[in-house]
Amino acid sequence: MSKIRTGLIIGLGLALAYGAAAMAQQPDRSKPARAEFACLTSAREDFQNAKLALLKDSVKKTIETLVSERRLEEQYCLRIARCVARTETGPAADLQAPIEFSNCLEEVSLEKYDAKKRGE
């Protein structure tokens, strides 16, 4: 009888641990998190559509095209930074926006040139 109880206790403990791990892996579904996700998704879709339009219009890359592409990337990263910083309050928001902007520009450049971060 004690083996059955021990088995049930272990089984219940494993089920609880599994449930807690599953909840930890699920994305945050709070209202601010959903709003941030929607904002980021919208920014990405707009960026991709604008970049496609820019690349379709210009067959060869001129300096003006390169500058336009860079400005488009900067505007995209500005939107990303605002999406993320909007959920922060106080001094954290002031610090978060420039960090997100810089990280975004870095990621866009790495993507664009199919590069890796230093040290990787």
N, C-alpha and C. Protein backbone atom coordinates (compact mmCIF):
# COMPACT_ATOMS: atom_id res chain seq x y z
N MET A 1 0.82 -1.19 0.00
CA MET A 1 0.00 0.00 0.00
C MET A 1 0.86 1.25 0.00
N SER A 2 1.96 1.24 0.73
CA SER A 2 2.81 2.43 0.77
C SER A 2 3.49 2.68 -0.57
N LYS A 3 3.74 1.61 -1.34
CA LYS A 3 4.33 1.79 -2.67
C LYS A 3 3.34 2.51 -3.59
N ILE A 4 2.09 2.19 -3.45
CA ILE A 4 1.08 2.85 -4.27
C ILE A 4 0.99 4.33 -3.90
N ARG A 5 0.98 4.62 -2.60
CA ARG A 5 0.94 6.03 -2.16
C ARG A 5 2.17 6.78 -2.64
N THR A 6 3.33 6.16 -2.51
CA THR A 6 4.56 6.80 -2.96
C THR A 6 4.50 7.07 -4.46
N GLY A 7 4.00 6.10 -5.21
CA GLY A 7 3.86 6.27 -6.65
C GLY A 7 2.90 7.40 -7.01
N LEU A 8 1.78 7.47 -6.26
CA LEU A 8 0.81 8.54 -6.50
C LEU A 8 1.40 9.91 -6.16
N ILE A 9 2.13 9.98 -5.07
CA ILE A 9 2.73 11.24 -4.67
C ILE A 9 3.77 11.68 -5.70
N ILE A 10 4.60 10.75 -6.15
CA ILE A 10 5.61 11.07 -7.16
C ILE A 10 4.93 11.48 -8.47
N GLY A 11 3.89 10.74 -8.84
CA GLY A 11 3.15 11.07 -10.07
C GLY A 11 2.51 12.44 -10.00
N LEU A 12 1.90 12.73 -8.86
CA LEU A 12 1.28 14.04 -8.67
C LEU A 12 2.33 15.15 -8.70
N GLY A 13 3.47 14.91 -8.06
CA GLY A 13 4.56 15.89 -8.07
C GLY A 13 5.07 16.14 -9.47
N LEU A 14 5.23 15.07 -10.26
CA LEU A 14 5.69 15.22 -11.64
C LEU A 14 4.66 15.98 -12.48
N ALA A 15 3.38 15.68 -12.26
CA ALA A 15 2.32 16.38 -13.00
C ALA A 15 2.32 17.86 -12.67
N LEU A 16 2.48 18.19 -11.39
CA LEU A 16 2.53 19.59 -10.99
C LEU A 16 3.76 20.29 -11.57
N ALA A 17 4.89 19.62 -11.55
CA ALA A 17 6.12 20.21 -12.10
C ALA A 17 5.98 20.42 -13.61
N TYR A 18 5.38 19.44 -14.29
CA TYR A 18 5.18 19.57 -15.73
C TYR A 18 4.23 20.73 -16.04
N GLY A 19 3.17 20.86 -15.27
CA GLY A 19 2.21 21.95 -15.46
C GLY A 19 2.86 23.30 -15.23
N ALA A 20 3.69 23.41 -14.21
CA ALA A 20 4.38 24.68 -13.92
C ALA A 20 5.36 25.02 -15.03
N ALA A 21 6.06 24.01 -15.55
CA ALA A 21 7.00 24.24 -16.64
C ALA A 21 6.27 24.67 -17.91
N ALA A 22 5.12 24.06 -18.18
CA ALA A 22 4.34 24.43 -19.36
C ALA A 22 3.84 25.86 -19.25
N MET A 23 3.41 26.27 -18.05
CA MET A 23 2.93 27.63 -17.86
C MET A 23 4.07 28.64 -18.02
N ALA A 24 5.26 28.27 -17.58
CA ALA A 24 6.40 29.18 -17.69
C ALA A 24 6.80 29.39 -19.14
N GLN A 25 6.56 28.40 -19.99
CA GLN A 25 6.95 28.51 -21.39
C GLN A 25 5.92 29.25 -22.23
N GLN A 26 4.72 29.38 -21.75
CA GLN A 26 3.69 30.07 -22.52
C GLN A 26 3.97 31.57 -22.52
N PRO A 27 3.70 32.23 -23.64
CA PRO A 27 3.93 33.67 -23.70
C PRO A 27 2.98 34.43 -22.78
N ASP A 28 3.41 35.60 -22.39
CA ASP A 28 2.61 36.46 -21.54
C ASP A 28 1.37 36.91 -22.32
N ARG A 29 0.20 36.65 -21.79
CA ARG A 29 -1.03 36.99 -22.50
C ARG A 29 -1.74 38.19 -21.86
N SER A 30 -1.01 38.98 -21.10
CA SER A 30 -1.61 40.15 -20.49
C SER A 30 -1.93 41.19 -21.57
N LYS A 31 -2.78 42.12 -21.25
CA LYS A 31 -3.19 43.13 -22.22
C LYS A 31 -2.00 43.94 -22.74
N PRO A 32 -1.07 44.42 -21.88
CA PRO A 32 0.09 45.15 -22.40
C PRO A 32 0.97 44.29 -23.31
N ALA A 33 1.11 42.99 -22.98
CA ALA A 33 1.93 42.11 -23.81
C ALA A 33 1.29 41.89 -25.18
N ARG A 34 -0.03 41.75 -25.21
CA ARG A 34 -0.73 41.58 -26.49
C ARG A 34 -0.63 42.85 -27.32
N ALA A 35 -0.74 44.00 -26.68
CA ALA A 35 -0.63 45.28 -27.39
C ALA A 35 0.78 45.45 -27.96
N GLU A 36 1.78 45.08 -27.18
CA GLU A 36 3.16 45.19 -27.66
C GLU A 36 3.38 44.25 -28.84
N PHE A 37 2.89 43.04 -28.75
CA PHE A 37 3.03 42.07 -29.84
C PHE A 37 2.35 42.57 -31.11
N ALA A 38 1.15 43.13 -30.98
CA ALA A 38 0.43 43.68 -32.13
C ALA A 38 1.20 44.84 -32.74
N CYS A 39 1.77 45.69 -31.90
CA CYS A 39 2.55 46.83 -32.38
C CYS A 39 3.79 46.36 -33.13
N LEU A 40 4.49 45.37 -32.57
CA LEU A 40 5.70 44.84 -33.21
C LEU A 40 5.37 44.16 -34.53
N THR A 41 4.27 43.41 -34.55
CA THR A 41 3.85 42.73 -35.77
C THR A 41 3.50 43.72 -36.86
N SER A 42 2.77 44.76 -36.51
CA SER A 42 2.40 45.79 -37.46
C SER A 42 3.63 46.51 -38.01
N ALA A 43 4.57 46.83 -37.14
CA ALA A 43 5.80 47.50 -37.57
C ALA A 43 6.57 46.63 -38.55
N ARG A 44 6.66 45.34 -38.26
CA ARG A 44 7.41 44.41 -39.12
C ARG A 44 6.73 44.28 -40.49
N GLU A 45 5.42 44.13 -40.49
CA GLU A 45 4.69 43.99 -41.76
C GLU A 45 4.83 45.26 -42.61
N ASP A 46 4.68 46.41 -41.99
CA ASP A 46 4.82 47.68 -42.72
C ASP A 46 6.22 47.84 -43.29
N PHE A 47 7.22 47.46 -42.50
CA PHE A 47 8.61 47.55 -42.94
C PHE A 47 8.85 46.63 -44.14
N GLN A 48 8.39 45.41 -44.06
CA GLN A 48 8.60 44.46 -45.15
C GLN A 48 7.90 44.92 -46.43
N ASN A 49 6.68 45.42 -46.31
CA ASN A 49 5.95 45.90 -47.49
C ASN A 49 6.63 47.12 -48.11
N ALA A 50 7.07 48.05 -47.27
CA ALA A 50 7.75 49.25 -47.78
C ALA A 50 9.08 48.89 -48.43
N LYS A 51 9.79 47.95 -47.83
CA LYS A 51 11.08 47.56 -48.40
C LYS A 51 10.89 46.85 -49.74
N LEU A 52 9.88 46.01 -49.84
CA LEU A 52 9.58 45.35 -51.12
C LEU A 52 9.23 46.39 -52.18
N ALA A 53 8.43 47.36 -51.83
CA ALA A 53 8.06 48.42 -52.77
C ALA A 53 9.29 49.20 -53.22
N LEU A 54 10.17 49.50 -52.29
CA LEU A 54 11.40 50.24 -52.60
C LEU A 54 12.29 49.43 -53.53
N LEU A 55 12.43 48.15 -53.27
CA LEU A 55 13.29 47.30 -54.10
C LEU A 55 12.70 47.06 -55.48
N LYS A 56 11.37 47.02 -55.57
CA LYS A 56 10.73 46.85 -56.88
C LYS A 56 10.90 48.09 -57.75
N ASP A 57 10.83 49.28 -57.12
CA ASP A 57 10.93 50.53 -57.86
C ASP A 57 12.33 50.80 -58.38
N SER A 58 13.33 50.31 -57.69
CA SER A 58 14.70 50.61 -58.10
C SER A 58 15.41 49.34 -58.56
N VAL A 59 15.65 49.29 -59.86
CA VAL A 59 16.30 48.11 -60.43
C VAL A 59 17.77 48.07 -60.02
N LYS A 60 18.45 49.20 -60.17
CA LYS A 60 19.85 49.23 -59.73
C LYS A 60 19.97 50.12 -58.50
N LYS A 61 20.94 49.78 -57.68
CA LYS A 61 21.12 50.51 -56.41
C LYS A 61 21.89 51.80 -56.65
N THR A 62 21.19 52.89 -56.44
CA THR A 62 21.86 54.19 -56.51
C THR A 62 22.11 54.65 -55.08
N ILE A 63 22.84 55.71 -54.94
CA ILE A 63 23.08 56.26 -53.60
C ILE A 63 21.76 56.65 -52.96
N GLU A 64 20.87 57.22 -53.75
CA GLU A 64 19.57 57.63 -53.22
C GLU A 64 18.77 56.43 -52.73
N THR A 65 18.85 55.32 -53.46
CA THR A 65 18.15 54.10 -53.05
C THR A 65 18.72 53.57 -51.73
N LEU A 66 20.03 53.59 -51.62
CA LEU A 66 20.68 53.12 -50.39
C LEU A 66 20.30 54.00 -49.20
N VAL A 67 20.26 55.31 -49.43
CA VAL A 67 19.87 56.24 -48.36
C VAL A 67 18.41 56.00 -47.99
N SER A 68 17.56 55.82 -48.97
CA SER A 68 16.14 55.56 -48.70
C SER A 68 15.96 54.27 -47.92
N GLU A 69 16.72 53.25 -48.29
CA GLU A 69 16.64 51.98 -47.58
C GLU A 69 17.09 52.14 -46.13
N ARG A 70 18.16 52.89 -45.92
CA ARG A 70 18.66 53.12 -44.55
C ARG A 70 17.63 53.90 -43.73
N ARG A 71 17.01 54.92 -44.32
CA ARG A 71 15.98 55.70 -43.60
C ARG A 71 14.79 54.83 -43.24
N LEU A 72 14.43 53.93 -44.15
CA LEU A 72 13.34 53.01 -43.90
C LEU A 72 13.68 52.10 -42.70
N GLU A 73 14.91 51.61 -42.65
CA GLU A 73 15.36 50.78 -41.54
C GLU A 73 15.33 51.57 -40.22
N GLU A 74 15.75 52.83 -40.29
CA GLU A 74 15.75 53.67 -39.08
C GLU A 74 14.32 53.92 -38.59
N GLN A 75 13.40 54.18 -39.51
CA GLN A 75 12.00 54.40 -39.12
C GLN A 75 11.40 53.13 -38.52
N TYR A 76 11.75 51.99 -39.10
CA TYR A 76 11.28 50.71 -38.57
C TYR A 76 11.78 50.51 -37.13
N CYS A 77 13.05 50.75 -36.93
CA CYS A 77 13.64 50.56 -35.59
C CYS A 77 13.09 51.57 -34.58
N LEU A 78 12.77 52.75 -35.05
CA LEU A 78 12.14 53.74 -34.17
C LEU A 78 10.77 53.24 -33.72
N ARG A 79 10.02 52.66 -34.62
CA ARG A 79 8.71 52.09 -34.26
C ARG A 79 8.86 50.94 -33.28
N ILE A 80 9.85 50.09 -33.53
CA ILE A 80 10.09 48.95 -32.63
C ILE A 80 10.42 49.46 -31.23
N ALA A 81 11.30 50.45 -31.15
CA ALA A 81 11.69 51.00 -29.85
C ALA A 81 10.49 51.60 -29.13
N ARG A 82 9.63 52.27 -29.88
CA ARG A 82 8.43 52.85 -29.25
C ARG A 82 7.45 51.78 -28.79
N CYS A 83 7.34 50.69 -29.55
CA CYS A 83 6.45 49.59 -29.14
C CYS A 83 6.90 49.02 -27.81
N VAL A 84 8.19 48.80 -27.67
CA VAL A 84 8.72 48.17 -26.46
C VAL A 84 8.72 49.15 -25.29
N ALA A 85 9.15 50.38 -25.53
CA ALA A 85 9.25 51.37 -24.45
C ALA A 85 7.88 51.82 -23.96
N ARG A 86 6.87 51.67 -24.77
CA ARG A 86 5.52 52.10 -24.40
C ARG A 86 5.00 51.33 -23.20
N THR A 87 5.46 50.09 -23.04
CA THR A 87 4.99 49.27 -21.92
C THR A 87 5.78 49.55 -20.65
N GLU A 88 6.91 50.23 -20.77
CA GLU A 88 7.73 50.57 -19.60
C GLU A 88 7.26 51.91 -19.03
N THR A 89 7.55 52.13 -17.75
CA THR A 89 7.22 53.40 -17.13
C THR A 89 8.43 53.92 -16.37
N GLY A 90 8.46 55.21 -16.16
CA GLY A 90 9.51 55.84 -15.37
C GLY A 90 10.86 55.82 -16.05
N PRO A 91 11.92 55.77 -15.27
CA PRO A 91 13.28 55.82 -15.83
C PRO A 91 13.59 54.64 -16.75
N ALA A 92 12.93 53.52 -16.53
CA ALA A 92 13.17 52.35 -17.38
C ALA A 92 12.82 52.64 -18.83
N ALA A 93 11.76 53.40 -19.05
CA ALA A 93 11.34 53.73 -20.41
C ALA A 93 12.37 54.60 -21.11
N ASP A 94 12.95 55.54 -20.37
CA ASP A 94 13.97 56.41 -20.95
C ASP A 94 15.20 55.64 -21.37
N LEU A 95 15.52 54.59 -20.65
CA LEU A 95 16.68 53.77 -20.98
C LEU A 95 16.37 52.71 -22.03
N GLN A 96 15.17 52.19 -22.00
CA GLN A 96 14.80 51.07 -22.87
C GLN A 96 14.72 51.47 -24.34
N ALA A 97 14.15 52.61 -24.65
CA ALA A 97 13.96 53.01 -26.05
C ALA A 97 15.27 53.10 -26.83
N PRO A 98 16.29 53.82 -26.34
CA PRO A 98 17.55 53.88 -27.11
C PRO A 98 18.23 52.51 -27.25
N ILE A 99 18.10 51.68 -26.22
CA ILE A 99 18.70 50.34 -26.29
C ILE A 99 18.00 49.51 -27.36
N GLU A 100 16.68 49.55 -27.37
CA GLU A 100 15.92 48.79 -28.37
C GLU A 100 16.20 49.30 -29.78
N PHE A 101 16.32 50.62 -29.93
CA PHE A 101 16.61 51.20 -31.24
C PHE A 101 17.96 50.71 -31.75
N SER A 102 18.96 50.77 -30.91
CA SER A 102 20.30 50.33 -31.27
C SER A 102 20.34 48.83 -31.59
N ASN A 103 19.69 48.04 -30.75
CA ASN A 103 19.65 46.59 -30.99
C ASN A 103 18.95 46.27 -32.30
N CYS A 104 17.89 46.99 -32.59
CA CYS A 104 17.14 46.77 -33.82
C CYS A 104 18.00 47.08 -35.04
N LEU A 105 18.70 48.22 -35.02
CA LEU A 105 19.57 48.57 -36.14
C LEU A 105 20.65 47.51 -36.35
N GLU A 106 21.17 47.01 -35.24
CA GLU A 106 22.20 45.96 -35.34
C GLU A 106 21.62 44.70 -35.97
N GLU A 107 20.44 44.30 -35.52
CA GLU A 107 19.81 43.10 -36.06
C GLU A 107 19.47 43.24 -37.53
N VAL A 108 18.98 44.42 -37.92
CA VAL A 108 18.65 44.65 -39.32
C VAL A 108 19.91 44.56 -40.18
N SER A 109 20.99 45.14 -39.70
CA SER A 109 22.25 45.08 -40.45
C SER A 109 22.78 43.66 -40.54
N LEU A 110 22.71 42.92 -39.45
CA LEU A 110 23.17 41.54 -39.47
C LEU A 110 22.34 40.71 -40.44
N GLU A 111 21.03 40.93 -40.44
CA GLU A 111 20.14 40.24 -41.36
C GLU A 111 20.45 40.60 -42.81
N LYS A 112 20.63 41.89 -43.03
CA LYS A 112 20.85 42.42 -44.38
C LYS A 112 22.11 41.83 -45.01
N TYR A 113 23.17 41.73 -44.23
CA TYR A 113 24.44 41.26 -44.76
C TYR A 113 24.73 39.81 -44.39
N ASP A 114 23.72 39.13 -43.85
CA ASP A 114 23.85 37.73 -43.47
C ASP A 114 25.12 37.54 -42.63
N ALA A 115 25.27 38.37 -41.62
CA ALA A 115 26.46 38.37 -40.78
C ALA A 115 26.13 37.83 -39.40
N LYS A 116 27.15 37.72 -38.57
CA LYS A 116 27.01 37.27 -37.19
C LYS A 116 27.61 38.32 -36.28
N LYS A 117 27.14 38.34 -35.03
CA LYS A 117 27.72 39.24 -34.05
C LYS A 117 29.15 38.83 -33.78
N ARG A 118 29.96 39.80 -33.38
CA ARG A 118 31.34 39.47 -33.02
C ARG A 118 31.34 38.54 -31.83
N GLY A 119 32.26 37.63 -31.86
CA GLY A 119 32.37 36.68 -30.76
C GLY A 119 31.50 35.44 -30.92
N GLU A 120 30.75 35.36 -32.00
CA GLU A 120 29.91 34.18 -32.22
C GLU A 120 30.57 33.26 -33.21
